[in-house]
Amino acid sequence: MSVEAYNLDSLRRLIRSLQKENRELKDLLDKSKIPYGESEAFSNSLAAVEEYDPDQGARIVDQFIDESMATRFFAMFWGREDVFAKRAKNGRYYPQCINRWDSSKYPRQRA
């Protein structure tokens, strides 16, 4: 049952039917002399509840993101584009370079 799908009148009917069912169940508990806790969910008046702000979106500051802000953000994630992770047979990963065998970019050390 989705509460969002109901209009105000159907929600009021639903609350009344639940309250009636609750009263009937409490009567059965009283007849059986089974103790139960009293709920005071509706005892608070609406004046004691904080006032709801219907325009909550007005507090959100609309900030324009320019190119320099985007560049600074993406700079945190830049890395080498020629290096990637390769999975070994044992399940672990190790770095692998695309230009590994290109001696003009990465000359191999000679022993």
PDB file of N, CA and C in Angstrom:
ATOM      1  N   MET A   1       0.851  -1.162   0.000  1.00  0.00           N
ATOM      2  CA  MET A   1       0.000   0.000   0.000  1.00  0.00           C
ATOM      3  C   MET A   1       0.899   1.226   0.000  1.00  0.00           C
ATOM      4  N   SER A   2       0.741   2.068  -0.999  1.00  0.00           N
ATOM      5  CA  SER A   2       1.526   3.292  -1.108  1.00  0.00           C
ATOM      6  C   SER A   2       0.703   4.466  -0.615  1.00  0.00           C
ATOM      7  N   VAL A   3       1.201   5.150   0.395  1.00  0.00           N
ATOM      8  CA  VAL A   3       0.469   6.274   0.989  1.00  0.00           C
ATOM      9  C   VAL A   3       0.401   7.436   0.006  1.00  0.00           C
ATOM     10  N   GLU A   4       1.393   7.592  -0.858  1.00  0.00           N
ATOM     11  CA  GLU A   4       1.420   8.697  -1.793  1.00  0.00           C
ATOM     12  C   GLU A   4       0.292   8.608  -2.818  1.00  0.00           C
ATOM     13  N   ALA A   5      -0.253   7.411  -3.027  1.00  0.00           N
ATOM     14  CA  ALA A   5      -1.268   7.225  -4.051  1.00  0.00           C
ATOM     15  C   ALA A   5      -2.648   7.671  -3.598  1.00  0.00           C
ATOM     16  N   TYR A   6      -2.846   7.972  -2.329  1.00  0.00           N
ATOM     17  CA  TYR A   6      -4.150   8.326  -1.801  1.00  0.00           C
ATOM     18  C   TYR A   6      -4.312   9.836  -1.737  1.00  0.00           C
ATOM     19  N   ASN A   7      -5.574  10.265  -1.873  1.00  0.00           N
ATOM     20  CA  ASN A   7      -5.843  11.681  -1.645  1.00  0.00           C
ATOM     21  C   ASN A   7      -6.192  11.873  -0.174  1.00  0.00           C
ATOM     22  N   LEU A   8      -6.491  13.100   0.226  1.00  0.00           N
ATOM     23  CA  LEU A   8      -6.701  13.425   1.628  1.00  0.00           C
ATOM     24  C   LEU A   8      -7.912  12.701   2.217  1.00  0.00           C
ATOM     25  N   ASP A   9      -9.008  12.635   1.485  1.00  0.00           N
ATOM     26  CA  ASP A   9     -10.213  11.973   2.003  1.00  0.00           C
ATOM     27  C   ASP A   9      -9.990  10.483   2.226  1.00  0.00           C
ATOM     28  N   SER A  10      -9.325   9.831   1.279  1.00  0.00           N
ATOM     29  CA  SER A  10      -9.089   8.392   1.448  1.00  0.00           C
ATOM     30  C   SER A  10      -8.126   8.135   2.610  1.00  0.00           C
ATOM     31  N   LEU A  11      -7.173   9.044   2.832  1.00  0.00           N
ATOM     32  CA  LEU A  11      -6.270   8.890   3.982  1.00  0.00           C
ATOM     33  C   LEU A  11      -7.033   9.042   5.293  1.00  0.00           C
ATOM     34  N   ARG A  12      -7.990   9.979   5.334  1.00  0.00           N
ATOM     35  CA  ARG A  12      -8.797  10.137   6.549  1.00  0.00           C
ATOM     36  C   ARG A  12      -9.631   8.886   6.806  1.00  0.00           C
ATOM     37  N   ARG A  13     -10.213   8.314   5.758  1.00  0.00           N
ATOM     38  CA  ARG A  13     -10.992   7.071   5.921  1.00  0.00           C
ATOM     39  C   ARG A  13     -10.099   5.941   6.410  1.00  0.00           C
ATOM     40  N   LEU A  14      -8.899   5.871   5.866  1.00  0.00           N
ATOM     41  CA  LEU A  14      -7.951   4.834   6.273  1.00  0.00           C
ATOM     42  C   LEU A  14      -7.588   4.987   7.748  1.00  0.00           C
ATOM     43  N   ILE A  15      -7.335   6.212   8.183  1.00  0.00           N
ATOM     44  CA  ILE A  15      -6.997   6.458   9.594  1.00  0.00           C
ATOM     45  C   ILE A  15      -8.169   6.080  10.489  1.00  0.00           C
ATOM     46  N   ARG A  16      -9.395   6.456  10.092  1.00  0.00           N
ATOM     47  CA  ARG A  16     -10.574   6.095  10.899  1.00  0.00           C
ATOM     48  C   ARG A  16     -10.737   4.589  11.006  1.00  0.00           C
ATOM     49  N   SER A  17     -10.536   3.878   9.906  1.00  0.00           N
ATOM     50  CA  SER A  17     -10.693   2.416   9.950  1.00  0.00           C
ATOM     51  C   SER A  17      -9.592   1.782  10.823  1.00  0.00           C
ATOM     52  N   LEU A  18      -8.383   2.320  10.750  1.00  0.00           N
ATOM     53  CA  LEU A  18      -7.309   1.795  11.593  1.00  0.00           C
ATOM     54  C   LEU A  18      -7.556   2.092  13.069  1.00  0.00           C
ATOM     55  N   GLN A  19      -8.111   3.275  13.362  1.00  0.00           N
ATOM     56  CA  GLN A  19      -8.429   3.608  14.747  1.00  0.00           C
ATOM     57  C   GLN A  19      -9.541   2.698  15.277  1.00  0.00           C
ATOM     58  N   LYS A  20     -10.540   2.400  14.420  1.00  0.00           N
ATOM     59  CA  LYS A  20     -11.625   1.502  14.824  1.00  0.00           C
ATOM     60  C   LYS A  20     -11.073   0.097  15.099  1.00  0.00           C
ATOM     61  N   GLU A  21     -10.208  -0.379  14.198  1.00  0.00           N
ATOM     62  CA  GLU A  21      -9.594  -1.702  14.387  1.00  0.00           C
ATOM     63  C   GLU A  21      -8.753  -1.720  15.659  1.00  0.00           C
ATOM     64  N   ASN A  22      -8.037  -0.652  15.937  1.00  0.00           N
ATOM     65  CA  ASN A  22      -7.226  -0.547  17.136  1.00  0.00           C
ATOM     66  C   ASN A  22      -8.096  -0.610  18.388  1.00  0.00           C
ATOM     67  N   ARG A  23      -9.236   0.101  18.369  1.00  0.00           N
ATOM     68  CA  ARG A  23     -10.156   0.067  19.518  1.00  0.00           C
ATOM     69  C   ARG A  23     -10.694  -1.346  19.745  1.00  0.00           C
ATOM     70  N   GLU A  24     -11.073  -2.028  18.652  1.00  0.00           N
ATOM     71  CA  GLU A  24     -11.599  -3.394  18.766  1.00  0.00           C
ATOM     72  C   GLU A  24     -10.545  -4.338  19.337  1.00  0.00           C
ATOM     73  N   LEU A  25      -9.314  -4.204  18.889  1.00  0.00           N
ATOM     74  CA  LEU A  25      -8.241  -5.069  19.391  1.00  0.00           C
ATOM     75  C   LEU A  25      -7.947  -4.795  20.861  1.00  0.00           C
ATOM     76  N   LYS A  26      -8.013  -3.516  21.251  1.00  0.00           N
ATOM     77  CA  LYS A  26      -7.797  -3.184  22.671  1.00  0.00           C
ATOM     78  C   LYS A  26      -8.929  -3.726  23.530  1.00  0.00           C
ATOM     79  N   ASP A  27     -10.166  -3.711  23.001  1.00  0.00           N
ATOM     80  CA  ASP A  27     -11.287  -4.307  23.738  1.00  0.00           C
ATOM     81  C   ASP A  27     -11.069  -5.802  23.947  1.00  0.00           C
ATOM     82  N   LEU A  28     -10.562  -6.480  22.924  1.00  0.00           N
ATOM     83  CA  LEU A  28     -10.270  -7.915  23.065  1.00  0.00           C
ATOM     84  C   LEU A  28      -9.177  -8.153  24.111  1.00  0.00           C
ATOM     85  N   LEU A  29      -8.170  -7.292  24.115  1.00  0.00           N
ATOM     86  CA  LEU A  29      -7.123  -7.429  25.126  1.00  0.00           C
ATOM     87  C   LEU A  29      -7.676  -7.176  26.526  1.00  0.00           C
ATOM     88  N   ASP A  30      -8.583  -6.195  26.657  1.00  0.00           N
ATOM     89  CA  ASP A  30      -9.195  -5.919  27.954  1.00  0.00           C
ATOM     90  C   ASP A  30     -10.034  -7.100  28.435  1.00  0.00           C
ATOM     91  N   LYS A  31     -10.794  -7.702  27.528  1.00  0.00           N
ATOM     92  CA  LYS A  31     -11.624  -8.850  27.900  1.00  0.00           C
ATOM     93  C   LYS A  31     -10.775 -10.021  28.357  1.00  0.00           C
ATOM     94  N   SER A  32      -9.614 -10.177  27.726  1.00  0.00           N
ATOM     95  CA  SER A  32      -8.721 -11.277  28.089  1.00  0.00           C
ATOM     96  C   SER A  32      -7.808 -10.905  29.239  1.00  0.00           C
ATOM     97  N   LYS A  33      -7.927  -9.679  29.729  1.00  0.00           N
ATOM     98  CA  LYS A  33      -7.107  -9.175  30.830  1.00  0.00           C
ATOM     99  C   LYS A  33      -5.612  -9.254  30.512  1.00  0.00           C
ATOM    100  N   ILE A  34      -5.284  -8.864  29.278  1.00  0.00           N
ATOM    101  CA  ILE A  34      -3.891  -8.814  28.836  1.00  0.00           C
ATOM    102  C   ILE A  34      -3.462  -7.347  28.861  1.00  0.00           C
ATOM    103  N   PRO A  35      -2.378  -7.015  29.592  1.00  0.00           N
ATOM    104  CA  PRO A  35      -1.948  -5.612  29.661  1.00  0.00           C
ATOM    105  C   PRO A  35      -1.302  -5.166  28.348  1.00  0.00           C
ATOM    106  N   TYR A  36      -1.439  -3.903  28.052  1.00  0.00           N
ATOM    107  CA  TYR A  36      -0.825  -3.326  26.866  1.00  0.00           C
ATOM    108  C   TYR A  36      -0.473  -1.873  27.151  1.00  0.00           C
ATOM    109  N   GLY A  37       0.460  -1.343  26.397  1.00  0.00           N
ATOM    110  CA  GLY A  37       0.896   0.042  26.580  1.00  0.00           C
ATOM    111  C   GLY A  37      -0.026   0.998  25.849  1.00  0.00           C
ATOM    112  N   GLU A  38      -0.271   2.128  26.470  1.00  0.00           N
ATOM    113  CA  GLU A  38      -1.103   3.152  25.847  1.00  0.00           C
ATOM    114  C   GLU A  38      -0.225   4.038  24.969  1.00  0.00           C
ATOM    115  N   SER A  39      -0.684   4.261  23.769  1.00  0.00           N
ATOM    116  CA  SER A  39       0.033   5.135  22.854  1.00  0.00           C
ATOM    117  C   SER A  39      -0.564   6.527  22.914  1.00  0.00           C
ATOM    118  N   GLU A  40       0.305   7.523  22.893  1.00  0.00           N
ATOM    119  CA  GLU A  40      -0.154   8.903  22.923  1.00  0.00           C
ATOM    120  C   GLU A  40       0.310   9.622  21.659  1.00  0.00           C
ATOM    121  N   ALA A  41       0.121   8.977  20.529  1.00  0.00           N
ATOM    122  CA  ALA A  41       0.623   9.524  19.270  1.00  0.00           C
ATOM    123  C   ALA A  41      -0.102  10.806  18.877  1.00  0.00           C
ATOM    124  N   PHE A  42      -1.409  10.885  19.139  1.00  0.00           N
ATOM    125  CA  PHE A  42      -2.175  12.041  18.709  1.00  0.00           C
ATOM    126  C   PHE A  42      -2.504  12.986  19.861  1.00  0.00           C
ATOM    127  N   SER A  43      -1.841  12.837  20.972  1.00  0.00           N
ATOM    128  CA  SER A  43      -2.147  13.696  22.118  1.00  0.00           C
ATOM    129  C   SER A  43      -1.503  15.074  21.984  1.00  0.00           C
ATOM    130  N   ASN A  44      -0.388  15.175  21.237  1.00  0.00           N
ATOM    131  CA  ASN A  44       0.259  16.471  21.053  1.00  0.00           C
ATOM    132  C   ASN A  44      -0.554  17.335  20.103  1.00  0.00           C
ATOM    133  N   SER A  45      -0.676  18.593  20.434  1.00  0.00           N
ATOM    134  CA  SER A  45      -1.406  19.494  19.542  1.00  0.00           C
ATOM    135  C   SER A  45      -0.498  19.919  18.400  1.00  0.00           C
ATOM    136  N   LEU A  46      -1.092  20.384  17.326  1.00  0.00           N
ATOM    137  CA  LEU A  46      -0.311  20.798  16.175  1.00  0.00           C
ATOM    138  C   LEU A  46       0.491  22.058  16.453  1.00  0.00           C
ATOM    139  N   ALA A  47       0.108  22.834  17.453  1.00  0.00           N
ATOM    140  CA  ALA A  47       0.844  24.053  17.783  1.00  0.00           C
ATOM    141  C   ALA A  47       2.224  23.723  18.333  1.00  0.00           C
ATOM    142  N   ALA A  48       2.364  22.557  18.965  1.00  0.00           N
ATOM    143  CA  ALA A  48       3.651  22.184  19.548  1.00  0.00           C
ATOM    144  C   ALA A  48       4.633  21.678  18.495  1.00  0.00           C
ATOM    145  N   VAL A  49       4.132  21.314  17.331  1.00  0.00           N
ATOM    146  CA  VAL A  49       4.977  20.782  16.271  1.00  0.00           C
ATOM    147  C   VAL A  49       5.617  21.950  15.524  1.00  0.00           C
ATOM    148  N   GLU A  50       6.878  21.765  15.109  1.00  0.00           N
ATOM    149  CA  GLU A  50       7.545  22.812  14.343  1.00  0.00           C
ATOM    150  C   GLU A  50       6.780  23.082  13.060  1.00  0.00           C
ATOM    151  N   GLU A  51       6.779  24.331  12.662  1.00  0.00           N
ATOM    152  CA  GLU A  51       6.051  24.692  11.445  1.00  0.00           C
ATOM    153  C   GLU A  51       6.821  24.190  10.229  1.00  0.00           C
ATOM    154  N   TYR A  52       6.106  23.607   9.308  1.00  0.00           N
ATOM    155  CA  TYR A  52       6.698  23.069   8.092  1.00  0.00           C
ATOM    156  C   TYR A  52       6.975  24.211   7.123  1.00  0.00           C
ATOM    157  N   ASP A  53       8.153  24.219   6.550  1.00  0.00           N
ATOM    158  CA  ASP A  53       8.523  25.245   5.584  1.00  0.00           C
ATOM    159  C   ASP A  53       8.189  24.736   4.195  1.00  0.00           C
ATOM    160  N   PRO A  54       7.123  25.234   3.566  1.00  0.00           N
ATOM    161  CA  PRO A  54       6.744  24.719   2.254  1.00  0.00           C
ATOM    162  C   PRO A  54       7.717  25.119   1.155  1.00  0.00           C
ATOM    163  N   ASP A  55       8.536  26.139   1.388  1.00  0.00           N
ATOM    164  CA  ASP A  55       9.466  26.599   0.365  1.00  0.00           C
ATOM    165  C   ASP A  55      10.890  26.252   0.759  1.00  0.00           C
ATOM    166  N   GLN A  56      11.151  24.978   0.973  1.00  0.00           N
ATOM    167  CA  GLN A  56      12.478  24.558   1.397  1.00  0.00           C
ATOM    168  C   GLN A  56      13.513  24.743   0.299  1.00  0.00           C
ATOM    169  N   GLY A  57      13.087  24.700  -0.937  1.00  0.00           N
ATOM    170  CA  GLY A  57      14.023  24.855  -2.043  1.00  0.00           C
ATOM    171  C   GLY A  57      14.610  26.249  -2.133  1.00  0.00           C
ATOM    172  N   ALA A  58      13.974  27.233  -1.508  1.00  0.00           N
ATOM    173  CA  ALA A  58      14.481  28.605  -1.565  1.00  0.00           C
ATOM    174  C   ALA A  58      15.800  28.745  -0.814  1.00  0.00           C
ATOM    175  N   ARG A  59      16.086  27.834   0.117  1.00  0.00           N
ATOM    176  CA  ARG A  59      17.324  27.911   0.878  1.00  0.00           C
ATOM    177  C   ARG A  59      18.524  27.379   0.105  1.00  0.00           C
ATOM    178  N   ILE A  60      18.283  26.680  -1.002  1.00  0.00           N
ATOM    179  CA  ILE A  60      19.371  26.124  -1.794  1.00  0.00           C
ATOM    180  C   ILE A  60      19.980  27.235  -2.631  1.00  0.00           C
ATOM    181  N   VAL A  61      21.283  27.405  -2.511  1.00  0.00           N
ATOM    182  CA  VAL A  61      21.969  28.449  -3.256  1.00  0.00           C
ATOM    183  C   VAL A  61      22.287  27.924  -4.642  1.00  0.00           C
ATOM    184  N   ASP A  62      21.816  28.641  -5.652  1.00  0.00           N
ATOM    185  CA  ASP A  62      22.086  28.249  -7.031  1.00  0.00           C
ATOM    186  C   ASP A  62      23.468  28.752  -7.405  1.00  0.00           C
ATOM    187  N   GLN A  63      24.406  27.839  -7.582  1.00  0.00           N
ATOM    188  CA  GLN A  63      25.781  28.220  -7.855  1.00  0.00           C
ATOM    189  C   GLN A  63      26.147  27.769  -9.259  1.00  0.00           C
ATOM    190  N   PHE A  64      26.638  28.691 -10.029  1.00  0.00           N
ATOM    191  CA  PHE A  64      27.040  28.382 -11.399  1.00  0.00           C
ATOM    192  C   PHE A  64      28.409  27.715 -11.381  1.00  0.00           C
ATOM    193  N   ILE A  65      28.538  26.626 -12.098  1.00  0.00           N
ATOM    194  CA  ILE A  65      29.812  25.913 -12.172  1.00  0.00           C
ATOM    195  C   ILE A  65      30.505  26.342 -13.456  1.00  0.00           C
ATOM    196  N   ASP A  66      31.609  27.069 -13.300  1.00  0.00           N
ATOM    197  CA  ASP A  66      32.335  27.520 -14.486  1.00  0.00           C
ATOM    198  C   ASP A  66      33.446  26.519 -14.830  1.00  0.00           C
ATOM    199  N   GLU A  67      34.172  26.820 -15.874  1.00  0.00           N
ATOM    200  CA  GLU A  67      35.179  25.877 -16.375  1.00  0.00           C
ATOM    201  C   GLU A  67      36.326  25.684 -15.382  1.00  0.00           C
ATOM    202  N   SER A  68      36.720  26.739 -14.678  1.00  0.00           N
ATOM    203  CA  SER A  68      37.832  26.592 -13.738  1.00  0.00           C
ATOM    204  C   SER A  68      37.448  25.697 -12.563  1.00  0.00           C
ATOM    205  N   MET A  69      36.202  25.808 -12.097  1.00  0.00           N
ATOM    206  CA  MET A  69      35.751  24.932 -11.008  1.00  0.00           C
ATOM    207  C   MET A  69      35.714  23.488 -11.463  1.00  0.00           C
ATOM    208  N   ALA A  70      35.222  23.253 -12.686  1.00  0.00           N
ATOM    209  CA  ALA A  70      35.164  21.890 -13.214  1.00  0.00           C
ATOM    210  C   ALA A  70      36.567  21.323 -13.406  1.00  0.00           C
ATOM    211  N   THR A  71      37.487  22.155 -13.866  1.00  0.00           N
ATOM    212  CA  THR A  71      38.864  21.695 -14.065  1.00  0.00           C
ATOM    213  C   THR A  71      39.505  21.307 -12.742  1.00  0.00           C
ATOM    214  N   ARG A  72      39.293  22.118 -11.705  1.00  0.00           N
ATOM    215  CA  ARG A  72      39.847  21.787 -10.386  1.00  0.00           C
ATOM    216  C   ARG A  72      39.257  20.478  -9.856  1.00  0.00           C
ATOM    217  N   PHE A  73      37.960  20.269 -10.088  1.00  0.00           N
ATOM    218  CA  PHE A  73      37.329  19.036  -9.618  1.00  0.00           C
ATOM    219  C   PHE A  73      37.884  17.826 -10.361  1.00  0.00           C
ATOM    220  N   PHE A  74      37.938  17.893 -11.688  1.00  0.00           N
ATOM    221  CA  PHE A  74      38.412  16.757 -12.468  1.00  0.00           C
ATOM    222  C   PHE A  74      39.905  16.515 -12.281  1.00  0.00           C
ATOM    223  N   ALA A  75      40.653  17.550 -11.853  1.00  0.00           N
ATOM    224  CA  ALA A  75      42.091  17.379 -11.627  1.00  0.00           C
ATOM    225  C   ALA A  75      42.355  16.387 -10.504  1.00  0.00           C
ATOM    226  N   MET A  76      41.399  16.238  -9.598  1.00  0.00           N
ATOM    227  CA  MET A  76      41.582  15.277  -8.513  1.00  0.00           C
ATOM    228  C   MET A  76      41.536  13.845  -9.015  1.00  0.00           C
ATOM    229  N   PHE A  77      40.989  13.628 -10.209  1.00  0.00           N
ATOM    230  CA  PHE A  77      40.814  12.277 -10.726  1.00  0.00           C
ATOM    231  C   PHE A  77      41.669  11.981 -11.943  1.00  0.00           C
ATOM    232  N   TRP A  78      42.486  12.931 -12.363  1.00  0.00           N
ATOM    233  CA  TRP A  78      43.334  12.696 -13.513  1.00  0.00           C
ATOM    234  C   TRP A  78      44.446  11.736 -13.141  1.00  0.00           C
ATOM    235  N   GLY A  79      44.825  10.950 -14.090  1.00  0.00           N
ATOM    236  CA  GLY A  79      45.918  10.011 -13.880  1.00  0.00           C
ATOM    237  C   GLY A  79      46.530   9.646 -15.210  1.00  0.00           C
ATOM    238  N   ARG A  80      47.357   8.671 -15.193  1.00  0.00           N
ATOM    239  CA  ARG A  80      47.973   8.220 -16.439  1.00  0.00           C
ATOM    240  C   ARG A  80      46.950   7.427 -17.229  1.00  0.00           C
ATOM    241  N   GLU A  81      46.778   7.813 -18.467  1.00  0.00           N
ATOM    242  CA  GLU A  81      45.808   7.121 -19.312  1.00  0.00           C
ATOM    243  C   GLU A  81      46.407   5.887 -19.967  1.00  0.00           C
ATOM    244  N   ASP A  82      47.730   5.727 -19.885  1.00  0.00           N
ATOM    245  CA  ASP A  82      48.371   4.577 -20.513  1.00  0.00           C
ATOM    246  C   ASP A  82      48.558   3.411 -19.542  1.00  0.00           C
ATOM    247  N   VAL A  83      48.122   3.578 -18.297  1.00  0.00           N
ATOM    248  CA  VAL A  83      48.278   2.528 -17.294  1.00  0.00           C
ATOM    249  C   VAL A  83      46.896   2.025 -16.890  1.00  0.00           C
ATOM    250  N   PHE A  84      46.776   0.719 -16.776  1.00  0.00           N
ATOM    251  CA  PHE A  84      45.513   0.108 -16.372  1.00  0.00           C
ATOM    252  C   PHE A  84      45.818  -1.104 -15.502  1.00  0.00           C
ATOM    253  N   ALA A  85      44.796  -1.645 -14.870  1.00  0.00           N
ATOM    254  CA  ALA A  85      44.971  -2.812 -14.003  1.00  0.00           C
ATOM    255  C   ALA A  85      44.688  -4.084 -14.792  1.00  0.00           C
ATOM    256  N   LYS A  86      45.529  -5.079 -14.580  1.00  0.00           N
ATOM    257  CA  LYS A  86      45.325  -6.371 -15.217  1.00  0.00           C
ATOM    258  C   LYS A  86      45.223  -7.423 -14.125  1.00  0.00           C
ATOM    259  N   ARG A  87      44.303  -8.350 -14.296  1.00  0.00           N
ATOM    260  CA  ARG A  87      44.075  -9.366 -13.278  1.00  0.00           C
ATOM    261  C   ARG A  87      44.960 -10.578 -13.523  1.00  0.00           C
ATOM    262  N   ALA A  88      45.599 -11.042 -12.472  1.00  0.00           N
ATOM    263  CA  ALA A  88      46.462 -12.217 -12.558  1.00  0.00           C
ATOM    264  C   ALA A  88      45.635 -13.480 -12.309  1.00  0.00           C
ATOM    265  N   LYS A  89      46.246 -14.634 -12.506  1.00  0.00           N
ATOM    266  CA  LYS A  89      45.536 -15.899 -12.305  1.00  0.00           C
ATOM    267  C   LYS A  89      45.156 -16.125 -10.851  1.00  0.00           C
ATOM    268  N   ASN A  90      45.932 -15.539  -9.925  1.00  0.00           N
ATOM    269  CA  ASN A  90      45.633 -15.726  -8.500  1.00  0.00           C
ATOM    270  C   ASN A  90      44.540 -14.772  -8.007  1.00  0.00           C
ATOM    271  N   GLY A  91      43.990 -13.933  -8.892  1.00  0.00           N
ATOM    272  CA  GLY A  91      42.899 -13.041  -8.519  1.00  0.00           C
ATOM    273  C   GLY A  91      43.338 -11.651  -8.148  1.00  0.00           C
ATOM    274  N   ARG A  92      44.621 -11.433  -7.995  1.00  0.00           N
ATOM    275  CA  ARG A  92      45.111 -10.100  -7.662  1.00  0.00           C
ATOM    276  C   ARG A  92      45.287  -9.268  -8.929  1.00  0.00           C
ATOM    277  N   TYR A  93      45.412  -7.961  -8.749  1.00  0.00           N
ATOM    278  CA  TYR A  93      45.603  -7.057  -9.873  1.00  0.00           C
ATOM    279  C   TYR A  93      47.000  -6.466  -9.829  1.00  0.00           C
ATOM    280  N   TYR A  94      47.563  -6.172 -10.995  1.00  0.00           N
ATOM    281  CA  TYR A  94      48.848  -5.510 -11.065  1.00  0.00           C
ATOM    282  C   TYR A  94      48.801  -4.488 -12.196  1.00  0.00           C
ATOM    283  N   PRO A  95      49.606  -3.409 -12.098  1.00  0.00           N
ATOM    284  CA  PRO A  95      49.550  -2.371 -13.121  1.00  0.00           C
ATOM    285  C   PRO A  95      50.156  -2.845 -14.438  1.00  0.00           C
ATOM    286  N   GLN A  96      49.543  -2.423 -15.505  1.00  0.00           N
ATOM    287  CA  GLN A  96      50.001  -2.772 -16.845  1.00  0.00           C
ATOM    288  C   GLN A  96      50.037  -1.478 -17.657  1.00  0.00           C
ATOM    289  N   CYS A  97      51.060  -1.283 -18.441  1.00  0.00           N
ATOM    290  CA  CYS A  97      51.214  -0.067 -19.236  1.00  0.00           C
ATOM    291  C   CYS A  97      51.042  -0.416 -20.717  1.00  0.00           C
ATOM    292  N   ILE A  98      50.283   0.422 -21.417  1.00  0.00           N
ATOM    293  CA  ILE A  98      50.077   0.193 -22.851  1.00  0.00           C
ATOM    294  C   ILE A  98      51.387   0.334 -23.608  1.00  0.00           C
ATOM    295  N   ASN A  99      52.209   1.291 -23.210  1.00  0.00           N
ATOM    296  CA  ASN A  99      53.468   1.584 -23.901  1.00  0.00           C
ATOM    297  C   ASN A  99      54.638   0.804 -23.314  1.00  0.00           C
ATOM    298  N   ARG A 100      54.355  -0.335 -22.738  1.00  0.00           N
ATOM    299  CA  ARG A 100      55.390  -1.093 -22.035  1.00  0.00           C
ATOM    300  C   ARG A 100      56.556  -1.475 -22.946  1.00  0.00           C
ATOM    301  N   TRP A 101      56.237  -1.856 -24.169  1.00  0.00           N
ATOM    302  CA  TRP A 101      57.280  -2.332 -25.070  1.00  0.00           C
ATOM    303  C   TRP A 101      57.757  -1.248 -26.035  1.00  0.00           C
ATOM    304  N   ASP A 102      57.261  -0.019 -25.892  1.00  0.00           N
ATOM    305  CA  ASP A 102      57.705   1.072 -26.767  1.00  0.00           C
ATOM    306  C   ASP A 102      58.975   1.678 -26.175  1.00  0.00           C
ATOM    307  N   SER A 103      60.116   1.341 -26.750  1.00  0.00           N
ATOM    308  CA  SER A 103      61.391   1.780 -26.186  1.00  0.00           C
ATOM    309  C   SER A 103      61.621   3.268 -26.384  1.00  0.00           C
ATOM    310  N   SER A 104      60.922   3.908 -27.310  1.00  0.00           N
ATOM    311  CA  SER A 104      61.113   5.347 -27.497  1.00  0.00           C
ATOM    312  C   SER A 104      60.489   6.130 -26.336  1.00  0.00           C
ATOM    313  N   LYS A 105      59.433   5.599 -25.737  1.00  0.00           N
ATOM    314  CA  LYS A 105      58.791   6.282 -24.614  1.00  0.00           C
ATOM    315  C   LYS A 105      59.353   5.828 -23.280  1.00  0.00           C
ATOM    316  N   TYR A 106      59.615   4.525 -23.152  1.00  0.00           N
ATOM    317  CA  TYR A 106      60.113   3.975 -21.901  1.00  0.00           C
ATOM    318  C   TYR A 106      61.302   3.065 -22.199  1.00  0.00           C
ATOM    319  N   PRO A 107      62.500   3.631 -22.213  1.00  0.00           N
ATOM    320  CA  PRO A 107      63.668   2.775 -22.505  1.00  0.00           C
ATOM    321  C   PRO A 107      63.873   1.748 -21.393  1.00  0.00           C
ATOM    322  N   ARG A 108      64.103   0.516 -21.797  1.00  0.00           N
ATOM    323  CA  ARG A 108      64.282  -0.568 -20.840  1.00  0.00           C
ATOM    324  C   ARG A 108      65.688  -0.494 -20.265  1.00  0.00           C
ATOM    325  N   GLN A 109      65.798  -0.796 -19.011  1.00  0.00           N
ATOM    326  CA  GLN A 109      67.102  -0.798 -18.371  1.00  0.00           C
ATOM    327  C   GLN A 109      67.872  -2.038 -18.807  1.00  0.00           C
ATOM    328  N   ARG A 110      69.117  -1.831 -19.090  1.00  0.00           N
ATOM    329  CA  ARG A 110      69.931  -2.985 -19.497  1.00  0.00           C
ATOM    330  C   ARG A 110      70.786  -3.409 -18.322  1.00  0.00           C
ATOM    331  N   ALA A 111      70.775  -4.661 -18.071  1.00  0.00           N
ATOM    332  CA  ALA A 111      71.536  -5.187 -16.942  1.00  0.00           C
ATOM    333  C   ALA A 111      72.960  -5.467 -17.310  1.00  0.00           C
TER     334      ALA A 111
END
